[in-house]
Amino acid sequence: MKKKISIGLIIIGIILALIPTIKDKIIKYNIKNKSEIIEIITHEEIINNMENEAEFNYEAIDDVGTISTVIGAIKFDNKFMIGQLIVPDLDINLPILKGVTNANLLAGVTTMVPEQKMGEGNYPVAGHRMKQKNLLFGSLMDIEIGSIVYITDKETIYEYTIYDTVVVSDTAMEMLDNKRAEEKGKPIISLMTCYYSSNTGKRFFALGELTDEYVVED
């Protein structure tokens, strides 16, 4: 009997040890799959997707866990793909999804307010911070002043240059306001992730100013 209990405990221990690995593998596969789609999506499809009504429910967002990851992968809908974000210095290349939902945040980065437009005003996007820096926004806090950020709707590429990074309270909704772009005197992008953990009550922002834009064909 003791032997069976010992074996059972060993098996449970192995399963618990593998749970983080399973979660990360699901997220990695999810990102790869969605990134392949965003590479071939057309501007016309993106325009159609932008018309879809999206959720912006910050309170419904869960920390990244195995169960939430599986559910998020199942619930993901391609109709919310509206662009692509690339940060060469950090090897970030992710789809931009319309709306703040668990499913979207597990597949890429999300827009944070309704009706935001690339290359205009303040363009805030959010992404999960992961322990593995090659997943989602796991490496965002390594970004440096002067780093280049690209976003595209597959018709125009918008190039932003990072000019500041800040850590704020998770209630600092003014970070999403267009007034920040007005104060800067030009359109900006605001890249947001949790400051180490959602439990800290703080958020990390990397802010970039629009420095160039050009058509995709160029």
C-alpha atoms as a PDB file:
ATOM      1  CA  MET A   1       0.000   0.000   0.000  1.00  0.00           C
ATOM      2  CA  LYS A   2       2.785   2.428   0.941  1.00  0.00           C
ATOM      3  CA  LYS A   3       4.495   1.609  -2.338  1.00  0.00           C
ATOM      4  CA  LYS A   4       1.352   2.479  -4.312  1.00  0.00           C
ATOM      5  CA  ILE A   5       1.004   5.757  -2.426  1.00  0.00           C
ATOM      6  CA  SER A   6       4.643   6.623  -3.124  1.00  0.00           C
ATOM      7  CA  ILE A   7       4.221   5.869  -6.838  1.00  0.00           C
ATOM      8  CA  GLY A   8       1.044   7.957  -6.900  1.00  0.00           C
ATOM      9  CA  LEU A   9       2.801  10.889  -5.272  1.00  0.00           C
ATOM     10  CA  ILE A  10       5.663  10.626  -7.753  1.00  0.00           C
ATOM     11  CA  ILE A  11       3.223  10.662 -10.669  1.00  0.00           C
ATOM     12  CA  ILE A  12       1.381  13.677  -9.238  1.00  0.00           C
ATOM     13  CA  GLY A  13       4.710  15.445  -8.728  1.00  0.00           C
ATOM     14  CA  ILE A  14       5.713  14.808 -12.341  1.00  0.00           C
ATOM     15  CA  ILE A  15       2.375  16.116 -13.600  1.00  0.00           C
ATOM     16  CA  LEU A  16       2.646  19.274 -11.477  1.00  0.00           C
ATOM     17  CA  ALA A  17       6.204  19.822 -12.692  1.00  0.00           C
ATOM     18  CA  LEU A  18       5.106  19.510 -16.318  1.00  0.00           C
ATOM     19  CA  ILE A  19       2.112  21.865 -16.066  1.00  0.00           C
ATOM     20  CA  PRO A  20       4.126  25.079 -16.745  1.00  0.00           C
ATOM     21  CA  THR A  21       5.854  23.369 -19.670  1.00  0.00           C
ATOM     22  CA  ILE A  22       2.527  22.259 -21.137  1.00  0.00           C
ATOM     23  CA  LYS A  23       1.108  25.777 -20.770  1.00  0.00           C
ATOM     24  CA  ASP A  24       4.105  27.381 -22.491  1.00  0.00           C
ATOM     25  CA  LYS A  25       4.015  24.836 -25.326  1.00  0.00           C
ATOM     26  CA  ILE A  26       0.336  25.572 -25.956  1.00  0.00           C
ATOM     27  CA  ILE A  27       1.011  29.325 -26.021  1.00  0.00           C
ATOM     28  CA  LYS A  28       4.032  28.871 -28.296  1.00  0.00           C
ATOM     29  CA  TYR A  29       1.994  26.764 -30.733  1.00  0.00           C
ATOM     30  CA  ASN A  30      -0.886  29.230 -30.531  1.00  0.00           C
ATOM     31  CA  ILE A  31       1.371  32.190 -31.370  1.00  0.00           C
ATOM     32  CA  LYS A  32       3.054  30.307 -34.225  1.00  0.00           C
ATOM     33  CA  ASN A  33      -0.292  29.348 -35.713  1.00  0.00           C
ATOM     34  CA  LYS A  34      -1.743  32.861 -35.493  1.00  0.00           C
ATOM     35  CA  SER A  35       1.497  34.467 -36.737  1.00  0.00           C
ATOM     36  CA  GLU A  36       1.325  32.340 -39.871  1.00  0.00           C
ATOM     37  CA  ILE A  37      -2.188  33.627 -40.472  1.00  0.00           C
ATOM     38  CA  ILE A  38      -1.248  37.281 -39.954  1.00  0.00           C
ATOM     39  CA  GLU A  39       1.606  36.923 -42.454  1.00  0.00           C
ATOM     40  CA  ILE A  40      -0.833  36.136 -45.271  1.00  0.00           C
ATOM     41  CA  ILE A  41      -3.875  38.140 -44.220  1.00  0.00           C
ATOM     42  CA  THR A  42      -4.833  40.963 -46.591  1.00  0.00           C
ATOM     43  CA  HIS A  43      -5.587  44.608 -45.914  1.00  0.00           C
ATOM     44  CA  GLU A  44      -9.144  44.025 -47.107  1.00  0.00           C
ATOM     45  CA  GLU A  45      -9.626  41.237 -44.554  1.00  0.00           C
ATOM     46  CA  ILE A  46      -8.224  43.473 -41.825  1.00  0.00           C
ATOM     47  CA  ILE A  47     -10.644  46.269 -42.751  1.00  0.00           C
ATOM     48  CA  ASN A  48     -13.517  43.801 -42.438  1.00  0.00           C
ATOM     49  CA  ASN A  49     -12.220  42.545 -39.090  1.00  0.00           C
ATOM     50  CA  MET A  50     -11.995  46.081 -37.733  1.00  0.00           C
ATOM     51  CA  GLU A  51     -15.763  46.373 -38.168  1.00  0.00           C
ATOM     52  CA  ASN A  52     -16.383  43.475 -35.758  1.00  0.00           C
ATOM     53  CA  GLU A  53     -17.589  44.423 -32.298  1.00  0.00           C
ATOM     54  CA  ALA A  54     -14.984  43.540 -29.662  1.00  0.00           C
ATOM     55  CA  GLU A  55     -14.867  43.259 -25.868  1.00  0.00           C
ATOM     56  CA  PHE A  56     -12.746  45.523 -23.678  1.00  0.00           C
ATOM     57  CA  ASN A  57     -13.307  43.918 -20.289  1.00  0.00           C
ATOM     58  CA  TYR A  58     -10.124  44.391 -18.242  1.00  0.00           C
ATOM     59  CA  GLU A  59     -11.651  42.849 -15.115  1.00  0.00           C
ATOM     60  CA  ALA A  60     -12.294  39.544 -16.882  1.00  0.00           C
ATOM     61  CA  ILE A  61      -8.610  38.983 -17.706  1.00  0.00           C
ATOM     62  CA  ASP A  62      -7.051  35.999 -15.903  1.00  0.00           C
ATOM     63  CA  ASP A  63      -3.414  35.344 -15.121  1.00  0.00           C
ATOM     64  CA  VAL A  64      -1.829  32.907 -17.544  1.00  0.00           C
ATOM     65  CA  GLY A  65      -2.551  29.374 -16.332  1.00  0.00           C
ATOM     66  CA  THR A  66      -2.844  25.969 -17.956  1.00  0.00           C
ATOM     67  CA  ILE A  67      -6.644  25.852 -17.867  1.00  0.00           C
ATOM     68  CA  SER A  68      -7.095  29.453 -19.015  1.00  0.00           C
ATOM     69  CA  THR A  69      -4.567  28.836 -21.793  1.00  0.00           C
ATOM     70  CA  VAL A  70      -6.477  25.823 -23.113  1.00  0.00           C
ATOM     71  CA  ILE A  71      -9.805  27.659 -22.929  1.00  0.00           C
ATOM     72  CA  GLY A  72      -8.294  30.730 -24.593  1.00  0.00           C
ATOM     73  CA  ALA A  73      -6.914  28.670 -27.471  1.00  0.00           C
ATOM     74  CA  ILE A  74     -10.336  27.121 -28.022  1.00  0.00           C
ATOM     75  CA  LYS A  75     -12.200  30.441 -27.888  1.00  0.00           C
ATOM     76  CA  PHE A  76      -9.846  32.381 -30.176  1.00  0.00           C
ATOM     77  CA  ASP A  77     -11.482  33.858 -33.273  1.00  0.00           C
ATOM     78  CA  ASN A  78      -9.488  34.982 -36.333  1.00  0.00           C
ATOM     79  CA  LYS A  79     -12.061  37.687 -37.051  1.00  0.00           C
ATOM     80  CA  PHE A  80     -10.346  39.960 -34.519  1.00  0.00           C
ATOM     81  CA  MET A  81      -6.977  40.022 -36.308  1.00  0.00           C
ATOM     82  CA  ILE A  82      -6.339  43.615 -37.352  1.00  0.00           C
ATOM     83  CA  GLY A  83      -2.589  43.949 -37.765  1.00  0.00           C
ATOM     84  CA  GLN A  84       0.946  42.938 -36.927  1.00  0.00           C
ATOM     85  CA  LEU A  85       3.496  44.270 -34.436  1.00  0.00           C
ATOM     86  CA  ILE A  86       7.258  43.818 -34.791  1.00  0.00           C
ATOM     87  CA  VAL A  87      10.030  44.894 -32.410  1.00  0.00           C
ATOM     88  CA  PRO A  88      13.282  43.734 -34.076  1.00  0.00           C
ATOM     89  CA  ASP A  89      15.531  44.436 -31.062  1.00  0.00           C
ATOM     90  CA  LEU A  90      13.457  42.053 -28.913  1.00  0.00           C
ATOM     91  CA  ASP A  91      12.618  39.525 -31.637  1.00  0.00           C
ATOM     92  CA  ILE A  92       8.912  40.243 -31.113  1.00  0.00           C
ATOM     93  CA  ASN A  93       6.625  39.481 -34.046  1.00  0.00           C
ATOM     94  CA  LEU A  94       2.979  39.160 -33.032  1.00  0.00           C
ATOM     95  CA  PRO A  95      -0.512  39.632 -34.437  1.00  0.00           C
ATOM     96  CA  ILE A  96      -2.520  42.593 -33.168  1.00  0.00           C
ATOM     97  CA  LEU A  97      -6.017  41.587 -32.052  1.00  0.00           C
ATOM     98  CA  LYS A  98      -8.983  43.885 -31.539  1.00  0.00           C
ATOM     99  CA  GLY A  99     -10.319  43.777 -27.995  1.00  0.00           C
ATOM    100  CA  VAL A 100      -9.037  42.860 -24.544  1.00  0.00           C
ATOM    101  CA  THR A 101      -9.953  39.203 -23.961  1.00  0.00           C
ATOM    102  CA  ASN A 102      -8.163  36.180 -22.519  1.00  0.00           C
ATOM    103  CA  ALA A 103      -8.248  34.466 -25.913  1.00  0.00           C
ATOM    104  CA  ASN A 104      -6.672  37.446 -27.689  1.00  0.00           C
ATOM    105  CA  LEU A 105      -3.973  37.989 -25.053  1.00  0.00           C
ATOM    106  CA  LEU A 106      -2.843  34.363 -25.366  1.00  0.00           C
ATOM    107  CA  ALA A 107      -2.361  34.681 -29.129  1.00  0.00           C
ATOM    108  CA  GLY A 108      -0.704  38.078 -29.521  1.00  0.00           C
ATOM    109  CA  VAL A 109      -1.164  41.673 -28.374  1.00  0.00           C
ATOM    110  CA  THR A 110      -4.461  43.497 -28.092  1.00  0.00           C
ATOM    111  CA  THR A 111      -5.813  46.962 -28.711  1.00  0.00           C
ATOM    112  CA  MET A 112      -6.944  48.613 -25.476  1.00  0.00           C
ATOM    113  CA  VAL A 113      -9.638  51.097 -26.431  1.00  0.00           C
ATOM    114  CA  PRO A 114     -12.385  51.044 -29.086  1.00  0.00           C
ATOM    115  CA  GLU A 115     -11.846  52.930 -32.348  1.00  0.00           C
ATOM    116  CA  GLN A 116      -8.084  53.444 -31.983  1.00  0.00           C
ATOM    117  CA  LYS A 117      -6.326  53.879 -35.332  1.00  0.00           C
ATOM    118  CA  MET A 118      -2.782  53.123 -36.417  1.00  0.00           C
ATOM    119  CA  GLY A 119      -0.705  56.218 -36.998  1.00  0.00           C
ATOM    120  CA  GLU A 120      -3.198  58.472 -35.204  1.00  0.00           C
ATOM    121  CA  GLY A 121      -3.316  59.751 -31.634  1.00  0.00           C
ATOM    122  CA  ASN A 122      -2.305  57.261 -28.971  1.00  0.00           C
ATOM    123  CA  TYR A 123      -2.227  53.613 -30.104  1.00  0.00           C
ATOM    124  CA  PRO A 124      -2.089  51.495 -26.900  1.00  0.00           C
ATOM    125  CA  VAL A 125      -1.573  47.727 -27.054  1.00  0.00           C
ATOM    126  CA  ALA A 126      -1.313  45.188 -24.239  1.00  0.00           C
ATOM    127  CA  GLY A 127       0.463  41.866 -23.955  1.00  0.00           C
ATOM    128  CA  HIS A 128       1.052  39.284 -21.260  1.00  0.00           C
ATOM    129  CA  ARG A 129       4.424  39.286 -19.527  1.00  0.00           C
ATOM    130  CA  MET A 130       5.790  35.730 -19.586  1.00  0.00           C
ATOM    131  CA  LYS A 131       8.704  34.180 -17.705  1.00  0.00           C
ATOM    132  CA  GLN A 132       9.973  32.893 -21.044  1.00  0.00           C
ATOM    133  CA  LYS A 133      11.150  36.009 -22.841  1.00  0.00           C
ATOM    134  CA  ASN A 134      10.458  34.541 -26.272  1.00  0.00           C
ATOM    135  CA  LEU A 135       6.722  34.345 -25.551  1.00  0.00           C
ATOM    136  CA  LEU A 136       4.303  37.245 -26.033  1.00  0.00           C
ATOM    137  CA  PHE A 137       5.585  40.389 -24.182  1.00  0.00           C
ATOM    138  CA  GLY A 138       8.026  38.423 -22.027  1.00  0.00           C
ATOM    139  CA  SER A 139      10.930  40.606 -23.165  1.00  0.00           C
ATOM    140  CA  LEU A 140       9.165  43.979 -23.337  1.00  0.00           C
ATOM    141  CA  MET A 141      10.788  45.331 -20.174  1.00  0.00           C
ATOM    142  CA  ASP A 142      14.184  44.871 -21.865  1.00  0.00           C
ATOM    143  CA  ILE A 143      13.311  47.471 -24.499  1.00  0.00           C
ATOM    144  CA  GLU A 144      15.659  50.455 -24.766  1.00  0.00           C
ATOM    145  CA  ILE A 145      15.217  54.092 -25.682  1.00  0.00           C
ATOM    146  CA  GLY A 146      15.704  54.366 -29.436  1.00  0.00           C
ATOM    147  CA  SER A 147      14.335  50.885 -30.220  1.00  0.00           C
ATOM    148  CA  ILE A 148      12.157  50.750 -33.327  1.00  0.00           C
ATOM    149  CA  VAL A 149       8.598  49.401 -33.276  1.00  0.00           C
ATOM    150  CA  TYR A 150       6.643  48.595 -36.422  1.00  0.00           C
ATOM    151  CA  ILE A 151       2.908  48.061 -36.754  1.00  0.00           C
ATOM    152  CA  THR A 152       1.030  47.455 -39.971  1.00  0.00           C
ATOM    153  CA  ASP A 153      -2.483  46.982 -41.297  1.00  0.00           C
ATOM    154  CA  LYS A 154      -0.957  45.337 -44.394  1.00  0.00           C
ATOM    155  CA  GLU A 155      -1.382  48.531 -46.401  1.00  0.00           C
ATOM    156  CA  THR A 156       0.825  50.938 -44.434  1.00  0.00           C
ATOM    157  CA  ILE A 157       3.766  50.305 -42.115  1.00  0.00           C
ATOM    158  CA  TYR A 158       3.984  52.710 -39.175  1.00  0.00           C
ATOM    159  CA  GLU A 159       7.423  53.129 -37.616  1.00  0.00           C
ATOM    160  CA  TYR A 160       7.712  54.317 -34.032  1.00  0.00           C
ATOM    161  CA  THR A 161      10.840  55.101 -31.997  1.00  0.00           C
ATOM    162  CA  ILE A 162      10.780  54.423 -28.250  1.00  0.00           C
ATOM    163  CA  TYR A 163      11.391  57.636 -26.293  1.00  0.00           C
ATOM    164  CA  ASP A 164      10.397  56.663 -22.735  1.00  0.00           C
ATOM    165  CA  THR A 165       9.497  53.812 -20.382  1.00  0.00           C
ATOM    166  CA  VAL A 166       7.414  54.228 -17.247  1.00  0.00           C
ATOM    167  CA  VAL A 167       5.920  52.127 -14.459  1.00  0.00           C
ATOM    168  CA  VAL A 168       2.457  53.232 -13.332  1.00  0.00           C
ATOM    169  CA  SER A 169      -0.450  52.030 -11.220  1.00  0.00           C
ATOM    170  CA  ASP A 170      -2.840  49.590 -12.886  1.00  0.00           C
ATOM    171  CA  THR A 171      -5.521  52.261 -12.437  1.00  0.00           C
ATOM    172  CA  ALA A 172      -3.636  54.863 -14.526  1.00  0.00           C
ATOM    173  CA  MET A 173      -6.143  54.848 -17.383  1.00  0.00           C
ATOM    174  CA  GLU A 174      -4.823  58.216 -18.566  1.00  0.00           C
ATOM    175  CA  MET A 175      -1.987  56.256 -20.203  1.00  0.00           C
ATOM    176  CA  LEU A 176      -4.497  55.171 -22.862  1.00  0.00           C
ATOM    177  CA  ASP A 177      -5.773  58.672 -23.600  1.00  0.00           C
ATOM    178  CA  ASN A 178      -5.088  60.560 -26.829  1.00  0.00           C
ATOM    179  CA  LYS A 179      -4.033  63.547 -24.706  1.00  0.00           C
ATOM    180  CA  ARG A 180      -0.638  61.884 -24.308  1.00  0.00           C
ATOM    181  CA  ALA A 181      -0.124  62.120 -28.087  1.00  0.00           C
ATOM    182  CA  GLU A 182      -1.299  65.726 -28.051  1.00  0.00           C
ATOM    183  CA  GLU A 183       1.234  66.528 -25.318  1.00  0.00           C
ATOM    184  CA  LYS A 184       3.964  64.867 -27.391  1.00  0.00           C
ATOM    185  CA  GLY A 185       2.891  66.787 -30.471  1.00  0.00           C
ATOM    186  CA  LYS A 186       2.730  63.692 -32.668  1.00  0.00           C
ATOM    187  CA  PRO A 187       1.110  60.228 -32.779  1.00  0.00           C
ATOM    188  CA  ILE A 188       2.482  57.708 -30.280  1.00  0.00           C
ATOM    189  CA  ILE A 189       2.304  54.000 -29.481  1.00  0.00           C
ATOM    190  CA  SER A 190       1.975  52.717 -25.908  1.00  0.00           C
ATOM    191  CA  LEU A 191       3.134  49.134 -25.325  1.00  0.00           C
ATOM    192  CA  MET A 192       1.872  47.794 -21.991  1.00  0.00           C
ATOM    193  CA  THR A 193       2.522  44.705 -19.897  1.00  0.00           C
ATOM    194  CA  CYS A 194       2.301  43.741 -16.232  1.00  0.00           C
ATOM    195  CA  TYR A 195       5.214  44.908 -14.115  1.00  0.00           C
ATOM    196  CA  TYR A 196       6.565  41.421 -13.308  1.00  0.00           C
ATOM    197  CA  SER A 197       3.131  40.231 -12.125  1.00  0.00           C
ATOM    198  CA  SER A 198      -0.460  41.417 -12.201  1.00  0.00           C
ATOM    199  CA  ASN A 199      -0.381  41.130  -8.403  1.00  0.00           C
ATOM    200  CA  THR A 200       2.036  44.054  -8.098  1.00  0.00           C
ATOM    201  CA  GLY A 201      -0.730  46.456  -9.076  1.00  0.00           C
ATOM    202  CA  LYS A 202       1.686  48.125 -11.490  1.00  0.00           C
ATOM    203  CA  ARG A 203       2.004  48.253 -15.268  1.00  0.00           C
ATOM    204  CA  PHE A 204       5.031  48.845 -17.486  1.00  0.00           C
ATOM    205  CA  PHE A 205       4.671  51.089 -20.534  1.00  0.00           C
ATOM    206  CA  ALA A 206       7.106  51.617 -23.387  1.00  0.00           C
ATOM    207  CA  LEU A 207       6.199  54.781 -25.284  1.00  0.00           C
ATOM    208  CA  GLY A 208       7.177  55.453 -28.894  1.00  0.00           C
ATOM    209  CA  GLU A 209       6.664  58.398 -31.225  1.00  0.00           C
ATOM    210  CA  LEU A 210       5.724  58.057 -34.896  1.00  0.00           C
ATOM    211  CA  THR A 211       8.854  58.699 -36.948  1.00  0.00           C
ATOM    212  CA  ASP A 212       7.933  57.321 -40.375  1.00  0.00           C
ATOM    213  CA  GLU A 213       5.275  55.549 -42.380  1.00  0.00           C
ATOM    214  CA  TYR A 214       5.330  53.907 -45.790  1.00  0.00           C
ATOM    215  CA  VAL A 215       3.266  51.596 -47.949  1.00  0.00           C
ATOM    216  CA  VAL A 216       3.829  47.866 -47.582  1.00  0.00           C
ATOM    217  CA  GLU A 217       4.917  47.447 -51.200  1.00  0.00           C
ATOM    218  CA  ASP A 218       7.935  49.711 -50.542  1.00  0.00           C
END
